[in-house]
Amino acid sequence: MSSSASSRVVGIDYPELVVFDLDACLWDQEMYEMRAMPSKTVQGDLNGRGRGVKGVYSGSDLIQLHDGSLTALQEHADNQYPGMKIALASSADTPFAVQIGRATLKLLEVLPGMTVWDLLMRDWDGQDVNQIGRQPPLSSNKAATHFPRIRSVTGIRYDKMLFFDDCNWGDHCGMVARACIESDTQQGVVGHRTPSGLRVADWRKGMELYANQHKL
């Protein structure tokens, strides 16, 4: 790790928690459109880090991480942001869509031999803090259900979070930013919209937005 990286402070220079939406943000498909549990996998190059599971088929539909998602997850796996953790907030439409999404997380790889799910579980010592779906106690409103639950289970303040969402079906980033605020600082979740999926530029921009909001 470079000296500049080691001098950065979690919660100020970068978030304590990054929360990702799934459909059309972390990956390129909408789970409600998938018709089968994922089974067949596709091997490919993982950003020059070796070959691994780069795609998963749900029937004839191929599900893949966006380039920025893979970059973000690899940087996190490499501990480039010490102390930072990740979680998911997805309002997948149906119980079956949730099942497909969770199964896909356990197949797609960040690094050879490490799935997205493995990385999520590493952060939380095996505890599932992710909020996926819209069946009670969740809803379609992430600001009202997903984020309060994430804050409760993780103990991480809203003003230490960064959220990525495509926002193509509603301004989830805006809703969360307005509703999920800490009373003492009057600051809340920093959001970045990814209407074309999470690109590398989006990952960098989101981290920049967070750092700028927390400058002294």
C-alpha atoms as a PDB file:
ATOM      1  CA  MET A   1       0.000   0.000   0.000  1.00  0.00           C
ATOM      2  CA  SER A   2       1.288   3.454  -0.859  1.00  0.00           C
ATOM      3  CA  SER A   3       2.042   6.038   1.826  1.00  0.00           C
ATOM      4  CA  SER A   4      -0.791   8.203   0.509  1.00  0.00           C
ATOM      5  CA  ALA A   5      -3.205   5.294   0.872  1.00  0.00           C
ATOM      6  CA  SER A   6      -2.016   4.484   4.396  1.00  0.00           C
ATOM      7  CA  SER A   7      -2.485   8.102   5.504  1.00  0.00           C
ATOM      8  CA  ARG A   8      -6.154   8.161   4.561  1.00  0.00           C
ATOM      9  CA  VAL A   9      -8.774   7.887   7.298  1.00  0.00           C
ATOM     10  CA  VAL A  10     -11.839   5.658   7.090  1.00  0.00           C
ATOM     11  CA  GLY A  11     -15.072   7.610   7.509  1.00  0.00           C
ATOM     12  CA  ILE A  12     -13.448  10.839   6.304  1.00  0.00           C
ATOM     13  CA  ASP A  13     -11.394  10.169   3.183  1.00  0.00           C
ATOM     14  CA  TYR A  14     -13.526   7.183   2.231  1.00  0.00           C
ATOM     15  CA  PRO A  15     -16.714   5.644   3.654  1.00  0.00           C
ATOM     16  CA  GLU A  16     -17.065   3.150   6.448  1.00  0.00           C
ATOM     17  CA  LEU A  17     -19.746   1.392   4.411  1.00  0.00           C
ATOM     18  CA  VAL A  18     -20.447   1.215   0.683  1.00  0.00           C
ATOM     19  CA  VAL A  19     -23.936  -0.004  -0.195  1.00  0.00           C
ATOM     20  CA  PHE A  20     -24.644  -1.317  -3.679  1.00  0.00           C
ATOM     21  CA  ASP A  21     -27.920  -1.832  -5.476  1.00  0.00           C
ATOM     22  CA  LEU A  22     -27.922  -5.032  -7.526  1.00  0.00           C
ATOM     23  CA  ASP A  23     -30.048  -4.919 -10.682  1.00  0.00           C
ATOM     24  CA  ALA A  24     -28.705  -2.654 -13.465  1.00  0.00           C
ATOM     25  CA  CYS A  25     -26.133  -1.295 -10.996  1.00  0.00           C
ATOM     26  CA  LEU A  26     -23.793  -3.953  -9.599  1.00  0.00           C
ATOM     27  CA  TRP A  27     -24.689  -6.255 -12.474  1.00  0.00           C
ATOM     28  CA  ASP A  28     -26.284  -5.881 -15.872  1.00  0.00           C
ATOM     29  CA  GLN A  29     -29.617  -7.689 -15.546  1.00  0.00           C
ATOM     30  CA  GLU A  30     -32.950  -7.210 -13.785  1.00  0.00           C
ATOM     31  CA  MET A  31     -33.665 -10.246 -11.634  1.00  0.00           C
ATOM     32  CA  TYR A  32     -37.436  -9.991 -12.103  1.00  0.00           C
ATOM     33  CA  GLU A  33     -36.876 -10.687 -15.808  1.00  0.00           C
ATOM     34  CA  MET A  34     -34.916 -13.886 -15.136  1.00  0.00           C
ATOM     35  CA  ARG A  35     -36.851 -17.122 -15.500  1.00  0.00           C
ATOM     36  CA  ALA A  36     -34.551 -19.760 -14.017  1.00  0.00           C
ATOM     37  CA  MET A  37     -32.180 -20.300 -11.140  1.00  0.00           C
ATOM     38  CA  PRO A  38     -28.605 -19.710 -12.305  1.00  0.00           C
ATOM     39  CA  SER A  39     -26.583 -22.804 -13.050  1.00  0.00           C
ATOM     40  CA  LYS A  40     -24.210 -22.617 -16.017  1.00  0.00           C
ATOM     41  CA  THR A  41     -21.190 -20.377 -15.454  1.00  0.00           C
ATOM     42  CA  VAL A  42     -18.836 -18.636 -17.876  1.00  0.00           C
ATOM     43  CA  GLN A  43     -15.119 -18.383 -17.207  1.00  0.00           C
ATOM     44  CA  GLY A  44     -13.251 -15.231 -18.152  1.00  0.00           C
ATOM     45  CA  ASP A  45     -10.490 -12.807 -17.269  1.00  0.00           C
ATOM     46  CA  LEU A  46     -10.992 -10.973 -13.980  1.00  0.00           C
ATOM     47  CA  ASN A  47      -9.249  -7.670 -14.721  1.00  0.00           C
ATOM     48  CA  GLY A  48      -5.918  -9.373 -15.261  1.00  0.00           C
ATOM     49  CA  ARG A  49      -6.094 -11.106 -11.877  1.00  0.00           C
ATOM     50  CA  GLY A  50      -6.622 -14.567 -13.326  1.00  0.00           C
ATOM     51  CA  ARG A  51      -9.530 -16.529 -14.733  1.00  0.00           C
ATOM     52  CA  GLY A  52     -12.711 -17.046 -12.802  1.00  0.00           C
ATOM     53  CA  VAL A  53     -16.491 -17.044 -13.017  1.00  0.00           C
ATOM     54  CA  LYS A  54     -17.256 -13.875 -14.955  1.00  0.00           C
ATOM     55  CA  GLY A  55     -20.800 -14.725 -16.003  1.00  0.00           C
ATOM     56  CA  VAL A  56     -23.756 -16.805 -14.890  1.00  0.00           C
ATOM     57  CA  TYR A  57     -26.649 -17.983 -17.035  1.00  0.00           C
ATOM     58  CA  SER A  58     -30.261 -17.779 -15.905  1.00  0.00           C
ATOM     59  CA  GLY A  59     -31.829 -19.759 -18.709  1.00  0.00           C
ATOM     60  CA  SER A  60     -30.577 -18.010 -21.852  1.00  0.00           C
ATOM     61  CA  ASP A  61     -29.815 -14.731 -20.038  1.00  0.00           C
ATOM     62  CA  LEU A  62     -26.213 -13.986 -19.069  1.00  0.00           C
ATOM     63  CA  ILE A  63     -25.651 -12.068 -15.814  1.00  0.00           C
ATOM     64  CA  GLN A  64     -22.340 -10.232 -15.401  1.00  0.00           C
ATOM     65  CA  LEU A  65     -20.870  -7.653 -13.045  1.00  0.00           C
ATOM     66  CA  HIS A  66     -20.361  -4.215 -14.535  1.00  0.00           C
ATOM     67  CA  ASP A  67     -16.723  -3.204 -14.996  1.00  0.00           C
ATOM     68  CA  GLY A  68     -16.856  -0.650 -12.200  1.00  0.00           C
ATOM     69  CA  SER A  69     -18.397  -3.198  -9.857  1.00  0.00           C
ATOM     70  CA  LEU A  70     -15.594  -5.675 -10.443  1.00  0.00           C
ATOM     71  CA  THR A  71     -12.992  -2.944  -9.963  1.00  0.00           C
ATOM     72  CA  ALA A  72     -14.637  -1.738  -6.743  1.00  0.00           C
ATOM     73  CA  LEU A  73     -14.948  -5.232  -5.312  1.00  0.00           C
ATOM     74  CA  GLN A  74     -11.377  -6.140  -6.234  1.00  0.00           C
ATOM     75  CA  GLU A  75     -10.012  -2.989  -4.619  1.00  0.00           C
ATOM     76  CA  HIS A  76     -12.017  -3.795  -1.514  1.00  0.00           C
ATOM     77  CA  ALA A  77     -10.811  -7.400  -1.526  1.00  0.00           C
ATOM     78  CA  ASP A  78      -7.253  -6.059  -1.729  1.00  0.00           C
ATOM     79  CA  ASN A  79      -7.918  -3.907   1.372  1.00  0.00           C
ATOM     80  CA  GLN A  80      -7.163  -0.683  -0.459  1.00  0.00           C
ATOM     81  CA  TYR A  81      -9.625   1.040   1.903  1.00  0.00           C
ATOM     82  CA  PRO A  82      -8.759  -0.288   5.380  1.00  0.00           C
ATOM     83  CA  GLY A  83     -11.750  -0.487   7.687  1.00  0.00           C
ATOM     84  CA  MET A  84     -14.322  -0.076   4.918  1.00  0.00           C
ATOM     85  CA  LYS A  85     -17.099  -2.637   4.535  1.00  0.00           C
ATOM     86  CA  ILE A  86     -19.725  -3.344   1.879  1.00  0.00           C
ATOM     87  CA  ALA A  87     -23.397  -4.332   1.849  1.00  0.00           C
ATOM     88  CA  LEU A  88     -26.322  -4.626  -0.563  1.00  0.00           C
ATOM     89  CA  ALA A  89     -29.688  -2.852  -0.735  1.00  0.00           C
ATOM     90  CA  SER A  90     -31.929  -4.220  -3.471  1.00  0.00           C
ATOM     91  CA  SER A  91     -35.697  -3.977  -3.883  1.00  0.00           C
ATOM     92  CA  ALA A  92     -35.945  -7.105  -6.051  1.00  0.00           C
ATOM     93  CA  ASP A  93     -39.581  -7.494  -7.015  1.00  0.00           C
ATOM     94  CA  THR A  94     -40.457 -11.091  -6.128  1.00  0.00           C
ATOM     95  CA  PRO A  95     -39.253 -13.835  -3.792  1.00  0.00           C
ATOM     96  CA  PHE A  96     -38.033 -15.752  -6.847  1.00  0.00           C
ATOM     97  CA  ALA A  97     -36.052 -12.724  -8.027  1.00  0.00           C
ATOM     98  CA  VAL A  98     -34.442 -12.582  -4.579  1.00  0.00           C
ATOM     99  CA  GLN A  99     -33.529 -16.268  -4.803  1.00  0.00           C
ATOM    100  CA  ILE A 100     -31.960 -15.780  -8.242  1.00  0.00           C
ATOM    101  CA  GLY A 101     -30.018 -12.756  -7.027  1.00  0.00           C
ATOM    102  CA  ARG A 102     -28.679 -14.498  -3.948  1.00  0.00           C
ATOM    103  CA  ALA A 103     -27.684 -17.569  -5.968  1.00  0.00           C
ATOM    104  CA  THR A 104     -25.885 -15.359  -8.495  1.00  0.00           C
ATOM    105  CA  LEU A 105     -23.903 -13.636  -5.729  1.00  0.00           C
ATOM    106  CA  LYS A 106     -22.614 -17.053  -4.684  1.00  0.00           C
ATOM    107  CA  LEU A 107     -21.369 -17.844  -8.208  1.00  0.00           C
ATOM    108  CA  LEU A 108     -19.882 -14.649  -9.689  1.00  0.00           C
ATOM    109  CA  GLU A 109     -16.256 -14.221  -8.685  1.00  0.00           C
ATOM    110  CA  VAL A 110     -14.322 -11.121  -7.673  1.00  0.00           C
ATOM    111  CA  LEU A 111     -10.995 -12.945  -7.713  1.00  0.00           C
ATOM    112  CA  PRO A 112     -10.332 -16.566  -8.654  1.00  0.00           C
ATOM    113  CA  GLY A 113     -11.893 -18.639  -5.889  1.00  0.00           C
ATOM    114  CA  MET A 114     -13.576 -15.672  -4.160  1.00  0.00           C
ATOM    115  CA  THR A 115     -17.231 -14.991  -4.948  1.00  0.00           C
ATOM    116  CA  VAL A 116     -19.077 -11.751  -4.316  1.00  0.00           C
ATOM    117  CA  TRP A 117     -20.865 -13.518  -1.465  1.00  0.00           C
ATOM    118  CA  ASP A 118     -17.561 -14.665   0.040  1.00  0.00           C
ATOM    119  CA  LEU A 119     -16.402 -11.049   0.141  1.00  0.00           C
ATOM    120  CA  LEU A 120     -19.640  -9.885   1.751  1.00  0.00           C
ATOM    121  CA  MET A 121     -19.388 -12.594   4.398  1.00  0.00           C
ATOM    122  CA  ARG A 122     -15.717 -11.775   5.048  1.00  0.00           C
ATOM    123  CA  ASP A 123     -16.660  -8.243   6.044  1.00  0.00           C
ATOM    124  CA  TRP A 124     -19.259  -9.318   8.581  1.00  0.00           C
ATOM    125  CA  ASP A 125     -17.772 -12.542   9.997  1.00  0.00           C
ATOM    126  CA  GLY A 126     -20.410 -14.621   8.248  1.00  0.00           C
ATOM    127  CA  GLN A 127     -23.401 -12.453   9.210  1.00  0.00           C
ATOM    128  CA  ASP A 128     -25.822 -11.542   6.420  1.00  0.00           C
ATOM    129  CA  VAL A 129     -26.492  -7.815   6.824  1.00  0.00           C
ATOM    130  CA  ASN A 130     -27.757  -7.394   3.253  1.00  0.00           C
ATOM    131  CA  GLN A 131     -31.280  -6.163   2.580  1.00  0.00           C
ATOM    132  CA  ILE A 132     -32.554  -7.790  -0.617  1.00  0.00           C
ATOM    133  CA  GLY A 133     -36.186  -7.774  -1.735  1.00  0.00           C
ATOM    134  CA  ARG A 134     -39.370  -5.873  -0.986  1.00  0.00           C
ATOM    135  CA  GLN A 135     -41.367  -8.405   0.984  1.00  0.00           C
ATOM    136  CA  PRO A 136     -42.062  -7.401   4.630  1.00  0.00           C
ATOM    137  CA  PRO A 137     -40.261  -6.186   6.647  1.00  0.00           C
ATOM    138  CA  LEU A 138     -38.724  -4.644   3.500  1.00  0.00           C
ATOM    139  CA  SER A 139     -40.596  -2.581   0.904  1.00  0.00           C
ATOM    140  CA  SER A 140     -39.980  -0.861  -2.423  1.00  0.00           C
ATOM    141  CA  ASN A 141     -38.792   2.218  -0.479  1.00  0.00           C
ATOM    142  CA  LYS A 142     -35.137   1.743   0.453  1.00  0.00           C
ATOM    143  CA  ALA A 143     -35.082   4.941   2.491  1.00  0.00           C
ATOM    144  CA  ALA A 144     -37.906   3.657   4.699  1.00  0.00           C
ATOM    145  CA  THR A 145     -36.840   0.048   5.168  1.00  0.00           C
ATOM    146  CA  HIS A 146     -33.523  -1.082   3.692  1.00  0.00           C
ATOM    147  CA  PHE A 147     -31.284   1.657   5.064  1.00  0.00           C
ATOM    148  CA  PRO A 148     -32.754   1.852   8.577  1.00  0.00           C
ATOM    149  CA  ARG A 149     -32.272  -1.899   8.831  1.00  0.00           C
ATOM    150  CA  ILE A 150     -28.702  -1.680   7.517  1.00  0.00           C
ATOM    151  CA  ARG A 151     -27.915   1.045  10.044  1.00  0.00           C
ATOM    152  CA  SER A 152     -29.426  -0.999  12.853  1.00  0.00           C
ATOM    153  CA  VAL A 153     -27.663  -4.272  12.067  1.00  0.00           C
ATOM    154  CA  THR A 154     -24.255  -2.769  11.209  1.00  0.00           C
ATOM    155  CA  GLY A 155     -24.150   0.082  13.712  1.00  0.00           C
ATOM    156  CA  ILE A 156     -22.683   2.329  11.007  1.00  0.00           C
ATOM    157  CA  ARG A 157     -24.038   5.865  10.837  1.00  0.00           C
ATOM    158  CA  TYR A 158     -25.802   7.174   7.746  1.00  0.00           C
ATOM    159  CA  ASP A 159     -23.215   9.920   7.337  1.00  0.00           C
ATOM    160  CA  LYS A 160     -20.500   7.280   6.991  1.00  0.00           C
ATOM    161  CA  MET A 161     -22.223   5.521   4.076  1.00  0.00           C
ATOM    162  CA  LEU A 162     -21.931   5.747   0.290  1.00  0.00           C
ATOM    163  CA  PHE A 163     -24.727   4.342  -1.892  1.00  0.00           C
ATOM    164  CA  PHE A 164     -24.720   3.385  -5.566  1.00  0.00           C
ATOM    165  CA  ASP A 165     -28.039   2.832  -7.390  1.00  0.00           C
ATOM    166  CA  ASP A 166     -29.050   2.991 -11.056  1.00  0.00           C
ATOM    167  CA  CYS A 167     -32.172   5.025 -10.105  1.00  0.00           C
ATOM    168  CA  ASN A 168     -33.835   4.083 -13.394  1.00  0.00           C
ATOM    169  CA  TRP A 169     -37.056   3.114 -11.594  1.00  0.00           C
ATOM    170  CA  GLY A 170     -37.114   5.988  -9.126  1.00  0.00           C
ATOM    171  CA  ASP A 171     -34.611   8.270  -7.437  1.00  0.00           C
ATOM    172  CA  HIS A 172     -33.523   5.935  -4.656  1.00  0.00           C
ATOM    173  CA  CYS A 173     -30.305   7.882  -4.092  1.00  0.00           C
ATOM    174  CA  GLY A 174     -32.239  11.108  -3.612  1.00  0.00           C
ATOM    175  CA  MET A 175     -34.837   9.504  -1.351  1.00  0.00           C
ATOM    176  CA  VAL A 176     -32.177   7.919   0.851  1.00  0.00           C
ATOM    177  CA  ALA A 177     -30.117  11.127   0.990  1.00  0.00           C
ATOM    178  CA  ARG A 178     -33.152  13.149   2.121  1.00  0.00           C
ATOM    179  CA  ALA A 179     -34.543  10.671   4.643  1.00  0.00           C
ATOM    180  CA  CYS A 180     -31.526   8.924   6.145  1.00  0.00           C
ATOM    181  CA  ILE A 181     -29.812  11.733   8.065  1.00  0.00           C
ATOM    182  CA  GLU A 182     -28.003  11.843  11.407  1.00  0.00           C
ATOM    183  CA  SER A 183     -29.537  14.339  13.838  1.00  0.00           C
ATOM    184  CA  ASP A 184     -26.238  15.550  15.304  1.00  0.00           C
ATOM    185  CA  THR A 185     -24.456  16.322  12.031  1.00  0.00           C
ATOM    186  CA  GLN A 186     -27.481  16.850   9.774  1.00  0.00           C
ATOM    187  CA  GLN A 187     -25.605  14.799   7.198  1.00  0.00           C
ATOM    188  CA  GLY A 188     -26.634  11.532   5.679  1.00  0.00           C
ATOM    189  CA  VAL A 189     -25.919   8.934   3.038  1.00  0.00           C
ATOM    190  CA  VAL A 190     -23.928  10.133   0.040  1.00  0.00           C
ATOM    191  CA  GLY A 191     -25.479   8.754  -3.136  1.00  0.00           C
ATOM    192  CA  HIS A 192     -24.282   8.385  -6.702  1.00  0.00           C
ATOM    193  CA  ARG A 193     -26.616   7.429  -9.541  1.00  0.00           C
ATOM    194  CA  THR A 194     -25.459   4.846 -12.086  1.00  0.00           C
ATOM    195  CA  PRO A 195     -28.073   4.863 -14.893  1.00  0.00           C
ATOM    196  CA  SER A 196     -25.710   2.956 -17.210  1.00  0.00           C
ATOM    197  CA  GLY A 197     -24.590   0.521 -14.533  1.00  0.00           C
ATOM    198  CA  LEU A 198     -21.635   0.952 -12.205  1.00  0.00           C
ATOM    199  CA  ARG A 199     -18.759   2.012 -14.433  1.00  0.00           C
ATOM    200  CA  VAL A 200     -15.213   2.559 -13.215  1.00  0.00           C
ATOM    201  CA  ALA A 201     -15.786   6.314 -13.549  1.00  0.00           C
ATOM    202  CA  ASP A 202     -18.877   6.001 -11.322  1.00  0.00           C
ATOM    203  CA  TRP A 203     -16.900   4.183  -8.654  1.00  0.00           C
ATOM    204  CA  ARG A 204     -14.261   6.904  -8.638  1.00  0.00           C
ATOM    205  CA  LYS A 205     -16.872   9.678  -8.682  1.00  0.00           C
ATOM    206  CA  GLY A 206     -18.818   8.225  -5.778  1.00  0.00           C
ATOM    207  CA  MET A 207     -15.700   7.984  -3.651  1.00  0.00           C
ATOM    208  CA  GLU A 208     -14.802  11.549  -4.619  1.00  0.00           C
ATOM    209  CA  LEU A 209     -18.260  12.813  -3.662  1.00  0.00           C
ATOM    210  CA  TYR A 210     -17.985  11.142  -0.276  1.00  0.00           C
ATOM    211  CA  ALA A 211     -14.522  12.571   0.419  1.00  0.00           C
ATOM    212  CA  ASN A 212     -15.602  16.065  -0.636  1.00  0.00           C
ATOM    213  CA  GLN A 213     -18.600  16.013   1.717  1.00  0.00           C
ATOM    214  CA  HIS A 214     -16.367  15.051   4.631  1.00  0.00           C
ATOM    215  CA  LYS A 215     -13.578  17.549   4.105  1.00  0.00           C
ATOM    216  CA  LEU A 216     -12.964  19.677   7.197  1.00  0.00           C
END
